[in-house]
C-alpha atoms as a PDB file:
ATOM      1  CA  MET A   1      97.680 136.609 110.035  1.00  0.00           C
ATOM      2  CA  SER A   2      94.044 134.749 109.724  1.00  0.00           C
ATOM      3  CA  ARG A   3      93.066 131.318 111.621  1.00  0.00           C
ATOM      4  CA  ALA A   4      93.112 129.300 107.916  1.00  0.00           C
ATOM      5  CA  THR A   5      96.495 131.053 106.988  1.00  0.00           C
ATOM      6  CA  ASP A   6      98.266 129.964 110.468  1.00  0.00           C
ATOM      7  CA  LEU A   7      96.871 126.357 109.859  1.00  0.00           C
ATOM      8  CA  ASP A   8      98.157 126.240 106.374  1.00  0.00           C
ATOM      9  CA  ALA A   9     101.605 127.211 107.726  1.00  0.00           C
ATOM     10  CA  VAL A  10     101.454 124.435 110.315  1.00  0.00           C
ATOM     11  CA  ALA A  11     100.474 122.308 107.710  1.00  0.00           C
ATOM     12  CA  ASP A  12     103.217 123.294 105.622  1.00  0.00           C
ATOM     13  CA  THR A  13     105.891 123.235 108.507  1.00  0.00           C
ATOM     14  CA  CYS A  14     104.642 119.670 109.707  1.00  0.00           C
ATOM     15  CA  ILE A  15     104.948 118.347 105.687  1.00  0.00           C
ATOM     16  CA  ALA A  16     108.115 119.403 105.705  1.00  0.00           C
ATOM     17  CA  ALA A  17     109.016 117.796 109.061  1.00  0.00           C
ATOM     18  CA  TYR A  18     107.547 114.312 108.156  1.00  0.00           C
ATOM     19  CA  ALA A  19     109.709 114.255 105.081  1.00  0.00           C
ATOM     20  CA  VAL A  20     112.967 114.728 107.309  1.00  0.00           C
ATOM     21  CA  ILE A  21     111.772 112.658 110.264  1.00  0.00           C
ATOM     22  CA  ALA A  22     110.996 109.845 107.651  1.00  0.00           C
ATOM     23  CA  ASP A  23     114.272 109.542 106.536  1.00  0.00           C
ATOM     24  CA  HIS A  24     115.867 110.063 109.663  1.00  0.00           C
ATOM     25  CA  GLY A  25     113.260 109.964 112.851  1.00  0.00           C
ATOM     26  CA  THR A  26     112.987 107.154 115.268  1.00  0.00           C
ATOM     27  CA  PRO A  27     110.025 105.290 115.285  1.00  0.00           C
ATOM     28  CA  GLN A  28     108.137 107.293 117.887  1.00  0.00           C
ATOM     29  CA  MET A  29     109.041 110.432 115.930  1.00  0.00           C
ATOM     30  CA  LYS A  30     107.375 108.840 113.128  1.00  0.00           C
ATOM     31  CA  MET A  31     104.357 107.962 114.996  1.00  0.00           C
ATOM     32  CA  LEU A  32     104.321 111.105 116.988  1.00  0.00           C
ATOM     33  CA  ILE A  33     104.776 113.549 113.255  1.00  0.00           C
ATOM     34  CA  ARG A  34     101.786 111.185 111.798  1.00  0.00           C
ATOM     35  CA  VAL A  35      99.418 112.006 114.884  1.00  0.00           C
ATOM     36  CA  LEU A  36     100.387 115.769 114.674  1.00  0.00           C
ATOM     37  CA  LEU A  37      99.595 115.884 110.836  1.00  0.00           C
ATOM     38  CA  HIS A  38      96.067 113.974 111.572  1.00  0.00           C
ATOM     39  CA  ILE A  39      95.359 116.646 114.473  1.00  0.00           C
ATOM     40  CA  VAL A  40      96.244 119.464 112.008  1.00  0.00           C
ATOM     41  CA  GLY A  41      94.036 117.996 109.125  1.00  0.00           C
ATOM     42  CA  ARG A  42      91.189 117.908 111.465  1.00  0.00           C
ATOM     43  CA  GLU A  43      91.469 121.518 112.458  1.00  0.00           C
ATOM     44  CA  ILE A  44      91.706 122.392 108.897  1.00  0.00           C
ATOM     45  CA  VAL A  45      88.389 120.774 108.330  1.00  0.00           C
ATOM     46  CA  GLN A  46      86.710 121.952 111.374  1.00  0.00           C
ATOM     47  CA  ASP A  47      87.664 125.577 110.109  1.00  0.00           C
ATOM     48  CA  LEU A  48      86.450 125.001 106.854  1.00  0.00           C
ATOM     49  CA  GLU A  49      83.070 123.640 108.047  1.00  0.00           C
ATOM     50  CA  ARG A  50      82.645 127.005 110.195  1.00  0.00           C
ATOM     51  CA  ARG A  51      83.319 128.986 106.962  1.00  0.00           C
ATOM     52  CA  GLU A  52      81.140 127.214 105.222  1.00  0.00           C
ATOM     53  CA  ARG A  53      78.311 127.529 107.971  1.00  0.00           C
ATOM     54  CA  ALA A  54      78.801 131.459 108.353  1.00  0.00           C
ATOM     55  CA  ASP A  55      78.824 131.926 104.690  1.00  0.00           C
ATOM     56  CA  ASP A  56      75.338 130.047 104.922  1.00  0.00           C
ATOM     57  CA  GLY A  57      74.425 132.505 107.439  1.00  0.00           C
ATOM     58  CA  THR A  58      73.393 129.792 110.044  1.00  0.00           C
ATOM     59  CA  SER A  59      75.274 128.696 112.732  1.00  0.00           C
ATOM     60  CA  GLU A  60      73.967 125.055 112.174  1.00  0.00           C
ATOM     61  CA  GLY A  61      75.666 122.587 110.264  1.00  0.00           C
ATOM     62  CA  SER A  62      76.555 119.028 110.343  1.00  0.00           C
ATOM     63  CA  PRO A  63      77.203 118.329 113.981  1.00  0.00           C
ATOM     64  CA  GLU A  64      80.770 118.293 115.229  1.00  0.00           C
ATOM     65  CA  ARG A  65      82.008 115.203 116.307  1.00  0.00           C
ATOM     66  CA  ASP A  66      83.555 114.332 119.615  1.00  0.00           C
ATOM     67  CA  THR A  67      86.960 113.797 119.003  1.00  0.00           C
ATOM     68  CA  GLY A  68      87.703 112.472 122.432  1.00  0.00           C
ATOM     69  CA  PRO A  69      90.885 113.605 124.453  1.00  0.00           C
END
């Protein structure tokens, strides 16, 4: 599988888990799944930006942000 396909599978699984956790999870579980979805979303955006730069034939593009720890 490609990285994009893997990230899509992770996102789909997290979305399905979110639905269950929203109904049955603890507040801590709900917070953690939201954080996980945010992280996966950022990875998808970074992957798309890398592919766009590769399609342009450049290694430059918008500078990647420091997302912290």
